[in-house]
Amino acid sequence: MTRAADYLDLVRAPASLTVLGDALVGGLSARGPGGDGAVRAGVLAVSSVCLYSAGMALNDWADADLDAVERPERPIPSGRISRSRALAAGAGLTLVGVGSAFVAGPRSGAVSLALAGALWAYDLVFKSTVAGPVVMAACRGLDVMMGAAGPGWRRALLPAGAVAAHTVAVTAVSRGEVDGSTRTIGRAAVGAGVAVAASGLAGPGDRAAAALGGARYLAAVLPGHLAVARDPDAATARAATRAGIRAVVPLQVALAARAGSTIATLALLGVEAIGLALGRRRSRGDIT
């Protein structure tokens, strides 16, 4: 019998915390603190979580045969969830995510359609291709722009690009979780992390807060990528991927601080603390 815990494993529930700040950062960057109401921010957070979770379910549906060999502990190959139920979960979460975005406004809804299309395209077409990391990065960039949609959206392009660049690096490293990565990919990921941290100093905003936030982000992401650059075996790549997925929250904290929102910064610090606590207590499943 399929349990709720099995569905939570399917969608990598702890990892969904990492998307809560995407649309928030987009709205703050576009219109500043107070530019969007709490209801809009909350609805878009629901949309982000649903679309991210849909992508995870679709990932396992598409990779069921491969996972049976490489990751038999996952919900589908272990028999805890059928393939058809995983597809239904992915489709249902996509509909809820897009619908929630339209509740926030037609412009955000339009971006959510592009995001949903990119998610499905990644899992069904591009994941195993050279374009895979770029398509995944587009998904995260669109998630930021979903919050920015509306007046001032161009001001969110730099933060969206920072989140996208981080995602390219983490996705490239993640490809080595089973068979190992390469030192070249590790070095490129290190360079991407430094560039992402430095991007907070460009353009308008609180540069002191951006510098401090960037340093926290580097402390979270660089050790894993440096380890891959030194020894790119599968275990190192998987550990770096876990760290990289979680490191997007310190990046969101830095971007919220750069935008001048104390409330959002504190809220995202709380999300980061919860994610770290869940990561320490989680005994089954994986966020990768």
C-alpha atoms as a PDB file:
ATOM      1  CA  MET A   1       0.000   0.000   0.000  1.00  0.00           C
ATOM      2  CA  THR A   2       1.367   3.398  -1.017  1.00  0.00           C
ATOM      3  CA  ARG A   3       1.822   5.744   1.933  1.00  0.00           C
ATOM      4  CA  ALA A   4       2.110   9.516   2.118  1.00  0.00           C
ATOM      5  CA  ALA A   5       5.753   9.054   3.110  1.00  0.00           C
ATOM      6  CA  ASP A   6       6.390   7.285  -0.192  1.00  0.00           C
ATOM      7  CA  TYR A   7       5.056  10.265  -2.141  1.00  0.00           C
ATOM      8  CA  LEU A   8       7.220  12.572  -0.042  1.00  0.00           C
ATOM      9  CA  ASP A   9      10.224  10.457  -1.029  1.00  0.00           C
ATOM     10  CA  LEU A  10       9.132  10.574  -4.677  1.00  0.00           C
ATOM     11  CA  VAL A  11       9.109  14.394  -4.772  1.00  0.00           C
ATOM     12  CA  ARG A  12      12.208  14.791  -2.528  1.00  0.00           C
ATOM     13  CA  ALA A  13      10.122  16.799  -0.054  1.00  0.00           C
ATOM     14  CA  PRO A  14      13.032  18.369   1.900  1.00  0.00           C
ATOM     15  CA  ALA A  15      14.458  19.762  -1.343  1.00  0.00           C
ATOM     16  CA  SER A  16      11.234  21.694  -2.003  1.00  0.00           C
ATOM     17  CA  LEU A  17      12.342  24.112   0.709  1.00  0.00           C
ATOM     18  CA  THR A  18      14.985  25.334  -1.721  1.00  0.00           C
ATOM     19  CA  VAL A  19      12.418  26.878  -4.085  1.00  0.00           C
ATOM     20  CA  LEU A  20      10.406  28.813  -1.506  1.00  0.00           C
ATOM     21  CA  GLY A  21      12.597  31.890  -1.984  1.00  0.00           C
ATOM     22  CA  ASP A  22      12.789  31.963  -5.789  1.00  0.00           C
ATOM     23  CA  ALA A  23       9.640  33.944  -6.569  1.00  0.00           C
ATOM     24  CA  LEU A  24      10.097  35.999  -3.400  1.00  0.00           C
ATOM     25  CA  VAL A  25      13.535  37.122  -4.570  1.00  0.00           C
ATOM     26  CA  GLY A  26      12.101  37.875  -8.001  1.00  0.00           C
ATOM     27  CA  GLY A  27       9.367  40.115  -6.603  1.00  0.00           C
ATOM     28  CA  LEU A  28      11.726  41.889  -4.211  1.00  0.00           C
ATOM     29  CA  SER A  29      14.270  42.524  -6.944  1.00  0.00           C
ATOM     30  CA  ALA A  30      11.620  43.867  -9.316  1.00  0.00           C
ATOM     31  CA  ARG A  31       9.596  46.077  -6.982  1.00  0.00           C
ATOM     32  CA  GLY A  32      11.447  46.277  -3.674  1.00  0.00           C
ATOM     33  CA  PRO A  33      10.214  45.521  -0.135  1.00  0.00           C
ATOM     34  CA  GLY A  34       6.479  46.054   0.163  1.00  0.00           C
ATOM     35  CA  GLY A  35       5.978  45.988  -3.583  1.00  0.00           C
ATOM     36  CA  ASP A  36       4.058  42.704  -3.439  1.00  0.00           C
ATOM     37  CA  GLY A  37       1.609  41.583  -0.793  1.00  0.00           C
ATOM     38  CA  ALA A  38       2.021  38.583   1.488  1.00  0.00           C
ATOM     39  CA  VAL A  39      -0.828  36.725  -0.226  1.00  0.00           C
ATOM     40  CA  ARG A  40       0.830  36.955  -3.640  1.00  0.00           C
ATOM     41  CA  ALA A  41       4.150  35.827  -2.182  1.00  0.00           C
ATOM     42  CA  GLY A  42       2.490  32.871  -0.456  1.00  0.00           C
ATOM     43  CA  VAL A  43       0.553  31.763  -3.518  1.00  0.00           C
ATOM     44  CA  LEU A  44       3.685  31.890  -5.657  1.00  0.00           C
ATOM     45  CA  ALA A  45       5.599  29.888  -3.046  1.00  0.00           C
ATOM     46  CA  VAL A  46       2.919  27.188  -3.329  1.00  0.00           C
ATOM     47  CA  SER A  47       3.249  27.310  -7.108  1.00  0.00           C
ATOM     48  CA  SER A  48       7.035  26.927  -6.933  1.00  0.00           C
ATOM     49  CA  VAL A  49       6.838  23.961  -4.558  1.00  0.00           C
ATOM     50  CA  CYS A  50       4.200  22.207  -6.668  1.00  0.00           C
ATOM     51  CA  LEU A  51       6.099  22.679  -9.925  1.00  0.00           C
ATOM     52  CA  TYR A  52       9.401  21.600  -8.363  1.00  0.00           C
ATOM     53  CA  SER A  53       7.735  18.527  -6.862  1.00  0.00           C
ATOM     54  CA  ALA A  54       6.132  17.756 -10.219  1.00  0.00           C
ATOM     55  CA  GLY A  55       9.574  17.785 -11.788  1.00  0.00           C
ATOM     56  CA  MET A  56      10.875  15.321  -9.216  1.00  0.00           C
ATOM     57  CA  ALA A  57       7.956  12.927  -9.767  1.00  0.00           C
ATOM     58  CA  LEU A  58       8.373  13.130 -13.539  1.00  0.00           C
ATOM     59  CA  ASN A  59      12.103  12.554 -13.164  1.00  0.00           C
ATOM     60  CA  ASP A  60      11.498   9.229 -11.421  1.00  0.00           C
ATOM     61  CA  TRP A  61       8.740   8.267 -13.866  1.00  0.00           C
ATOM     62  CA  ALA A  62      11.044   8.874 -16.825  1.00  0.00           C
ATOM     63  CA  ASP A  63      14.057   7.189 -15.186  1.00  0.00           C
ATOM     64  CA  ALA A  64      12.276   4.169 -13.681  1.00  0.00           C
ATOM     65  CA  ASP A  65      14.162   1.587 -15.751  1.00  0.00           C
ATOM     66  CA  LEU A  66      17.539   3.228 -15.129  1.00  0.00           C
ATOM     67  CA  ASP A  67      16.815   3.639 -11.414  1.00  0.00           C
ATOM     68  CA  ALA A  68      15.996  -0.072 -11.185  1.00  0.00           C
ATOM     69  CA  VAL A  69      19.676  -0.672 -11.900  1.00  0.00           C
ATOM     70  CA  GLU A  70      21.380   2.354 -10.358  1.00  0.00           C
ATOM     71  CA  ARG A  71      19.056   3.404  -7.505  1.00  0.00           C
ATOM     72  CA  PRO A  72      16.745   0.516  -6.629  1.00  0.00           C
ATOM     73  CA  GLU A  73      15.876   2.127  -3.289  1.00  0.00           C
ATOM     74  CA  ARG A  74      13.826   4.855  -4.963  1.00  0.00           C
ATOM     75  CA  PRO A  75      10.013   4.659  -4.701  1.00  0.00           C
ATOM     76  CA  ILE A  76       9.239   3.258  -8.171  1.00  0.00           C
ATOM     77  CA  PRO A  77      11.869   0.495  -8.527  1.00  0.00           C
ATOM     78  CA  SER A  78      11.373  -0.497  -4.874  1.00  0.00           C
ATOM     79  CA  GLY A  79       7.670  -1.057  -5.591  1.00  0.00           C
ATOM     80  CA  ARG A  80       6.420   1.544  -3.144  1.00  0.00           C
ATOM     81  CA  ILE A  81       4.853   3.663  -5.910  1.00  0.00           C
ATOM     82  CA  SER A  82       3.717   2.520  -9.352  1.00  0.00           C
ATOM     83  CA  ARG A  83       4.926   4.304 -12.455  1.00  0.00           C
ATOM     84  CA  SER A  84       1.378   5.356 -13.353  1.00  0.00           C
ATOM     85  CA  ARG A  85       0.866   6.943  -9.941  1.00  0.00           C
ATOM     86  CA  ALA A  86       4.137   8.832 -10.251  1.00  0.00           C
ATOM     87  CA  LEU A  87       3.026  10.218 -13.624  1.00  0.00           C
ATOM     88  CA  ALA A  88      -0.363  11.160 -12.184  1.00  0.00           C
ATOM     89  CA  ALA A  89       1.364  12.931  -9.294  1.00  0.00           C
ATOM     90  CA  GLY A  90       3.582  14.856 -11.697  1.00  0.00           C
ATOM     91  CA  ALA A  91       0.646  15.897 -13.877  1.00  0.00           C
ATOM     92  CA  GLY A  92      -1.538  16.859 -10.917  1.00  0.00           C
ATOM     93  CA  LEU A  93       1.173  18.905  -9.241  1.00  0.00           C
ATOM     94  CA  THR A  94       1.846  20.687 -12.534  1.00  0.00           C
ATOM     95  CA  LEU A  95      -1.806  21.707 -12.809  1.00  0.00           C
ATOM     96  CA  VAL A  96      -1.908  22.939  -9.206  1.00  0.00           C
ATOM     97  CA  GLY A  97       1.343  24.843  -9.656  1.00  0.00           C
ATOM     98  CA  VAL A  98       0.222  26.604 -12.825  1.00  0.00           C
ATOM     99  CA  GLY A  99      -3.205  27.310 -11.359  1.00  0.00           C
ATOM    100  CA  SER A 100      -1.675  28.855  -8.248  1.00  0.00           C
ATOM    101  CA  ALA A 101       0.509  31.117 -10.369  1.00  0.00           C
ATOM    102  CA  PHE A 102      -2.536  32.375 -12.277  1.00  0.00           C
ATOM    103  CA  VAL A 103      -4.181  33.184  -8.943  1.00  0.00           C
ATOM    104  CA  ALA A 104      -1.208  35.482  -8.292  1.00  0.00           C
ATOM    105  CA  GLY A 105      -1.781  37.212 -11.629  1.00  0.00           C
ATOM    106  CA  PRO A 106      -1.950  36.539 -15.380  1.00  0.00           C
ATOM    107  CA  ARG A 107       1.664  37.557 -15.984  1.00  0.00           C
ATOM    108  CA  SER A 108       2.958  35.172 -13.332  1.00  0.00           C
ATOM    109  CA  GLY A 109       0.638  32.526 -14.740  1.00  0.00           C
ATOM    110  CA  ALA A 110       2.095  32.992 -18.221  1.00  0.00           C
ATOM    111  CA  VAL A 111       5.622  32.524 -16.857  1.00  0.00           C
ATOM    112  CA  SER A 112       4.484  29.414 -14.967  1.00  0.00           C
ATOM    113  CA  LEU A 113       3.343  27.872 -18.257  1.00  0.00           C
ATOM    114  CA  ALA A 114       6.834  28.372 -19.680  1.00  0.00           C
ATOM    115  CA  LEU A 115       8.312  26.938 -16.484  1.00  0.00           C
ATOM    116  CA  ALA A 116       6.046  23.887 -16.608  1.00  0.00           C
ATOM    117  CA  GLY A 117       6.953  23.320 -20.252  1.00  0.00           C
ATOM    118  CA  ALA A 118      10.656  23.529 -19.440  1.00  0.00           C
ATOM    119  CA  LEU A 119      10.267  21.055 -16.552  1.00  0.00           C
ATOM    120  CA  TRP A 120       8.511  18.472 -18.677  1.00  0.00           C
ATOM    121  CA  ALA A 121      10.971  19.000 -21.528  1.00  0.00           C
ATOM    122  CA  TYR A 122      13.919  18.484 -19.178  1.00  0.00           C
ATOM    123  CA  ASP A 123      12.639  15.215 -17.747  1.00  0.00           C
ATOM    124  CA  LEU A 124      11.304  13.753 -21.004  1.00  0.00           C
ATOM    125  CA  VAL A 125      13.814  15.046 -23.571  1.00  0.00           C
ATOM    126  CA  PHE A 126      16.848  17.001 -22.416  1.00  0.00           C
ATOM    127  CA  LYS A 127      17.987  15.464 -19.134  1.00  0.00           C
ATOM    128  CA  SER A 128      20.559  13.110 -20.616  1.00  0.00           C
ATOM    129  CA  THR A 129      21.718  15.508 -23.345  1.00  0.00           C
ATOM    130  CA  VAL A 130      24.398  18.190 -23.360  1.00  0.00           C
ATOM    131  CA  ALA A 131      21.633  20.785 -23.035  1.00  0.00           C
ATOM    132  CA  GLY A 132      20.307  19.225 -19.815  1.00  0.00           C
ATOM    133  CA  PRO A 133      22.024  21.526 -17.286  1.00  0.00           C
ATOM    134  CA  VAL A 134      21.046  24.611 -19.295  1.00  0.00           C
ATOM    135  CA  VAL A 135      17.389  23.572 -19.470  1.00  0.00           C
ATOM    136  CA  MET A 136      17.347  22.888 -15.730  1.00  0.00           C
ATOM    137  CA  ALA A 137      18.937  26.289 -15.138  1.00  0.00           C
ATOM    138  CA  ALA A 138      16.206  27.870 -17.261  1.00  0.00           C
ATOM    139  CA  CYS A 139      13.631  26.253 -14.976  1.00  0.00           C
ATOM    140  CA  ARG A 140      15.110  27.901 -11.876  1.00  0.00           C
ATOM    141  CA  GLY A 141      15.562  31.231 -13.627  1.00  0.00           C
ATOM    142  CA  LEU A 142      11.920  31.161 -14.736  1.00  0.00           C
ATOM    143  CA  ASP A 143      10.885  30.387 -11.160  1.00  0.00           C
ATOM    144  CA  VAL A 144      12.531  33.644 -10.060  1.00  0.00           C
ATOM    145  CA  MET A 145      10.944  35.526 -12.971  1.00  0.00           C
ATOM    146  CA  MET A 146       7.530  34.123 -12.048  1.00  0.00           C
ATOM    147  CA  GLY A 147       7.740  36.294  -8.938  1.00  0.00           C
ATOM    148  CA  ALA A 148       9.175  39.239 -10.873  1.00  0.00           C
ATOM    149  CA  ALA A 149       6.450  39.231 -13.528  1.00  0.00           C
ATOM    150  CA  GLY A 150       4.894  42.696 -13.674  1.00  0.00           C
ATOM    151  CA  PRO A 151       6.303  46.205 -13.253  1.00  0.00           C
ATOM    152  CA  GLY A 152      10.083  46.350 -12.906  1.00  0.00           C
ATOM    153  CA  TRP A 153      10.660  42.766 -14.048  1.00  0.00           C
ATOM    154  CA  ARG A 154      13.908  43.662 -15.800  1.00  0.00           C
ATOM    155  CA  ARG A 155      15.507  44.430 -12.423  1.00  0.00           C
ATOM    156  CA  ALA A 156      15.133  40.738 -11.532  1.00  0.00           C
ATOM    157  CA  LEU A 157      17.135  39.474 -14.511  1.00  0.00           C
ATOM    158  CA  LEU A 158      20.454  39.570 -12.623  1.00  0.00           C
ATOM    159  CA  PRO A 159      19.162  37.600  -9.590  1.00  0.00           C
ATOM    160  CA  ALA A 160      17.435  35.141 -11.929  1.00  0.00           C
ATOM    161  CA  GLY A 161      20.701  34.738 -13.812  1.00  0.00           C
ATOM    162  CA  ALA A 162      22.568  34.110 -10.539  1.00  0.00           C
ATOM    163  CA  VAL A 163      20.158  31.335  -9.527  1.00  0.00           C
ATOM    164  CA  ALA A 164      20.343  29.884 -13.050  1.00  0.00           C
ATOM    165  CA  ALA A 165      24.159  29.909 -13.081  1.00  0.00           C
ATOM    166  CA  HIS A 166      24.241  28.161  -9.716  1.00  0.00           C
ATOM    167  CA  THR A 167      21.829  25.555 -11.081  1.00  0.00           C
ATOM    168  CA  VAL A 168      23.955  24.880 -14.173  1.00  0.00           C
ATOM    169  CA  ALA A 169      26.945  24.082 -11.962  1.00  0.00           C
ATOM    170  CA  VAL A 170      25.036  21.833  -9.539  1.00  0.00           C
ATOM    171  CA  THR A 171      23.271  19.972 -12.363  1.00  0.00           C
ATOM    172  CA  ALA A 172      26.563  19.370 -14.179  1.00  0.00           C
ATOM    173  CA  VAL A 173      28.122  17.974 -10.999  1.00  0.00           C
ATOM    174  CA  SER A 174      25.048  15.826 -10.316  1.00  0.00           C
ATOM    175  CA  ARG A 175      25.636  13.875 -13.524  1.00  0.00           C
ATOM    176  CA  GLY A 176      28.551  12.218 -11.786  1.00  0.00           C
ATOM    177  CA  GLU A 177      26.557  10.866  -8.841  1.00  0.00           C
ATOM    178  CA  VAL A 178      26.691   7.274 -10.100  1.00  0.00           C
ATOM    179  CA  ASP A 179      29.782   6.954 -12.294  1.00  0.00           C
ATOM    180  CA  GLY A 180      31.848   9.898 -11.088  1.00  0.00           C
ATOM    181  CA  SER A 181      32.411  13.386 -12.433  1.00  0.00           C
ATOM    182  CA  THR A 182      35.573  15.077 -13.784  1.00  0.00           C
ATOM    183  CA  ARG A 183      38.046  17.556 -12.372  1.00  0.00           C
ATOM    184  CA  THR A 184      37.178  19.937 -15.211  1.00  0.00           C
ATOM    185  CA  ILE A 185      33.525  20.018 -14.168  1.00  0.00           C
ATOM    186  CA  GLY A 186      34.578  20.557 -10.554  1.00  0.00           C
ATOM    187  CA  ARG A 187      36.793  23.498 -11.511  1.00  0.00           C
ATOM    188  CA  ALA A 188      34.047  24.986 -13.685  1.00  0.00           C
ATOM    189  CA  ALA A 189      31.601  24.665 -10.789  1.00  0.00           C
ATOM    190  CA  VAL A 190      34.040  26.481  -8.502  1.00  0.00           C
ATOM    191  CA  GLY A 191      34.314  29.300 -11.032  1.00  0.00           C
ATOM    192  CA  ALA A 192      30.542  29.492 -11.379  1.00  0.00           C
ATOM    193  CA  GLY A 193      30.120  29.739  -7.606  1.00  0.00           C
ATOM    194  CA  VAL A 194      32.577  32.621  -7.361  1.00  0.00           C
ATOM    195  CA  ALA A 195      30.875  34.410 -10.265  1.00  0.00           C
ATOM    196  CA  VAL A 196      27.443  33.959  -8.694  1.00  0.00           C
ATOM    197  CA  ALA A 197      28.651  35.393  -5.385  1.00  0.00           C
ATOM    198  CA  ALA A 198      30.272  38.346  -7.156  1.00  0.00           C
ATOM    199  CA  SER A 199      27.128  39.093  -9.171  1.00  0.00           C
ATOM    200  CA  GLY A 200      25.459  40.408  -6.037  1.00  0.00           C
ATOM    201  CA  LEU A 201      27.857  43.357  -6.099  1.00  0.00           C
ATOM    202  CA  ALA A 202      26.700  44.407  -9.568  1.00  0.00           C
ATOM    203  CA  GLY A 203      23.820  46.798 -10.120  1.00  0.00           C
ATOM    204  CA  PRO A 204      21.733  48.594  -7.491  1.00  0.00           C
ATOM    205  CA  GLY A 205      21.117  47.273  -4.007  1.00  0.00           C
ATOM    206  CA  ASP A 206      22.750  46.945  -0.611  1.00  0.00           C
ATOM    207  CA  ARG A 207      26.275  45.889  -1.567  1.00  0.00           C
ATOM    208  CA  ALA A 208      27.439  45.315   1.995  1.00  0.00           C
ATOM    209  CA  ALA A 209      24.582  42.888   2.573  1.00  0.00           C
ATOM    210  CA  ALA A 210      25.278  41.279  -0.801  1.00  0.00           C
ATOM    211  CA  ALA A 211      28.959  40.805   0.073  1.00  0.00           C
ATOM    212  CA  LEU A 212      28.132  39.186   3.417  1.00  0.00           C
ATOM    213  CA  GLY A 213      25.466  37.014   1.846  1.00  0.00           C
ATOM    214  CA  GLY A 214      27.783  36.043  -0.975  1.00  0.00           C
ATOM    215  CA  ALA A 215      30.407  34.923   1.522  1.00  0.00           C
ATOM    216  CA  ARG A 216      27.825  32.712   3.279  1.00  0.00           C
ATOM    217  CA  TYR A 217      26.808  31.238  -0.066  1.00  0.00           C
ATOM    218  CA  LEU A 218      30.420  30.448  -0.960  1.00  0.00           C
ATOM    219  CA  ALA A 219      30.922  28.781   2.423  1.00  0.00           C
ATOM    220  CA  ALA A 220      27.981  26.511   1.618  1.00  0.00           C
ATOM    221  CA  VAL A 221      28.775  25.633  -1.992  1.00  0.00           C
ATOM    222  CA  LEU A 222      32.548  25.849  -2.503  1.00  0.00           C
ATOM    223  CA  PRO A 223      33.758  22.946  -0.299  1.00  0.00           C
ATOM    224  CA  GLY A 224      31.767  20.409  -2.290  1.00  0.00           C
ATOM    225  CA  HIS A 225      32.814  21.760  -5.672  1.00  0.00           C
ATOM    226  CA  LEU A 226      36.443  22.013  -4.606  1.00  0.00           C
ATOM    227  CA  ALA A 227      36.277  18.389  -3.474  1.00  0.00           C
ATOM    228  CA  VAL A 228      35.036  17.364  -6.938  1.00  0.00           C
ATOM    229  CA  ALA A 229      37.869  19.350  -8.537  1.00  0.00           C
ATOM    230  CA  ARG A 230      40.336  17.335  -6.433  1.00  0.00           C
ATOM    231  CA  ASP A 231      38.725  13.887  -6.443  1.00  0.00           C
ATOM    232  CA  PRO A 232      35.717  13.538  -8.775  1.00  0.00           C
ATOM    233  CA  ASP A 233      34.506  10.101  -7.706  1.00  0.00           C
ATOM    234  CA  ALA A 234      30.797   9.288  -7.439  1.00  0.00           C
ATOM    235  CA  ALA A 235      30.541   9.680  -3.653  1.00  0.00           C
ATOM    236  CA  THR A 236      32.176  13.093  -3.803  1.00  0.00           C
ATOM    237  CA  ALA A 237      29.909  14.198  -6.646  1.00  0.00           C
ATOM    238  CA  ARG A 238      26.807  13.087  -4.756  1.00  0.00           C
ATOM    239  CA  ALA A 239      27.881  14.914  -1.586  1.00  0.00           C
ATOM    240  CA  ALA A 240      28.613  18.040  -3.627  1.00  0.00           C
ATOM    241  CA  THR A 241      25.210  17.779  -5.296  1.00  0.00           C
ATOM    242  CA  ARG A 242      23.440  17.591  -1.931  1.00  0.00           C
ATOM    243  CA  ALA A 243      25.377  20.614  -0.690  1.00  0.00           C
ATOM    244  CA  GLY A 244      24.742  22.501  -3.926  1.00  0.00           C
ATOM    245  CA  ILE A 245      20.990  21.925  -3.794  1.00  0.00           C
ATOM    246  CA  ARG A 246      20.855  23.287  -0.252  1.00  0.00           C
ATOM    247  CA  ALA A 247      23.235  26.174  -1.041  1.00  0.00           C
ATOM    248  CA  VAL A 248      20.617  27.883  -3.188  1.00  0.00           C
ATOM    249  CA  VAL A 249      18.893  28.995   0.032  1.00  0.00           C
ATOM    250  CA  PRO A 250      21.933  30.981   1.271  1.00  0.00           C
ATOM    251  CA  LEU A 251      22.019  32.468  -2.230  1.00  0.00           C
ATOM    252  CA  GLN A 252      18.366  33.495  -1.883  1.00  0.00           C
ATOM    253  CA  VAL A 253      19.192  34.991   1.519  1.00  0.00           C
ATOM    254  CA  ALA A 254      21.954  37.042  -0.086  1.00  0.00           C
ATOM    255  CA  LEU A 255      19.655  38.254  -2.864  1.00  0.00           C
ATOM    256  CA  ALA A 256      16.871  39.166  -0.419  1.00  0.00           C
ATOM    257  CA  ALA A 257      19.365  41.106   1.709  1.00  0.00           C
ATOM    258  CA  ARG A 258      20.664  42.850  -1.417  1.00  0.00           C
ATOM    259  CA  ALA A 259      17.087  43.929  -2.176  1.00  0.00           C
ATOM    260  CA  GLY A 260      16.841  45.480   1.288  1.00  0.00           C
ATOM    261  CA  SER A 261      14.171  43.250   2.839  1.00  0.00           C
ATOM    262  CA  THR A 262      14.966  42.381   6.443  1.00  0.00           C
ATOM    263  CA  ILE A 263      11.774  40.360   6.866  1.00  0.00           C
ATOM    264  CA  ALA A 264      12.422  38.223   3.797  1.00  0.00           C
ATOM    265  CA  THR A 265      16.053  37.741   4.786  1.00  0.00           C
ATOM    266  CA  LEU A 266      15.085  36.500   8.243  1.00  0.00           C
ATOM    267  CA  ALA A 267      12.360  34.258   6.816  1.00  0.00           C
ATOM    268  CA  LEU A 268      14.794  32.638   4.399  1.00  0.00           C
ATOM    269  CA  LEU A 269      17.349  32.170   7.166  1.00  0.00           C
ATOM    270  CA  GLY A 270      14.613  30.262   8.986  1.00  0.00           C
ATOM    271  CA  VAL A 271      13.998  28.132   5.892  1.00  0.00           C
ATOM    272  CA  GLU A 272      17.727  27.419   5.724  1.00  0.00           C
ATOM    273  CA  ALA A 273      17.780  26.317   9.380  1.00  0.00           C
ATOM    274  CA  ILE A 274      14.796  24.014   8.853  1.00  0.00           C
ATOM    275  CA  GLY A 275      16.429  22.479   5.788  1.00  0.00           C
ATOM    276  CA  LEU A 276      19.642  21.784   7.668  1.00  0.00           C
ATOM    277  CA  ALA A 277      17.727  20.202  10.547  1.00  0.00           C
ATOM    278  CA  LEU A 278      15.714  17.968   8.207  1.00  0.00           C
ATOM    279  CA  GLY A 279      18.890  16.994   6.382  1.00  0.00           C
ATOM    280  CA  ARG A 280      20.454  15.792   9.625  1.00  0.00           C
ATOM    281  CA  ARG A 281      17.378  13.823  10.713  1.00  0.00           C
ATOM    282  CA  ARG A 282      16.419  12.279   7.391  1.00  0.00           C
ATOM    283  CA  SER A 283      17.261   8.588   7.355  1.00  0.00           C
ATOM    284  CA  ARG A 284      15.739   7.396   4.067  1.00  0.00           C
ATOM    285  CA  GLY A 285      15.539   8.763   0.552  1.00  0.00           C
ATOM    286  CA  ASP A 286      17.658  11.461  -0.996  1.00  0.00           C
ATOM    287  CA  ILE A 287      17.346  15.035  -2.191  1.00  0.00           C
ATOM    288  CA  THR A 288      19.467  14.523  -5.288  1.00  0.00           C
END
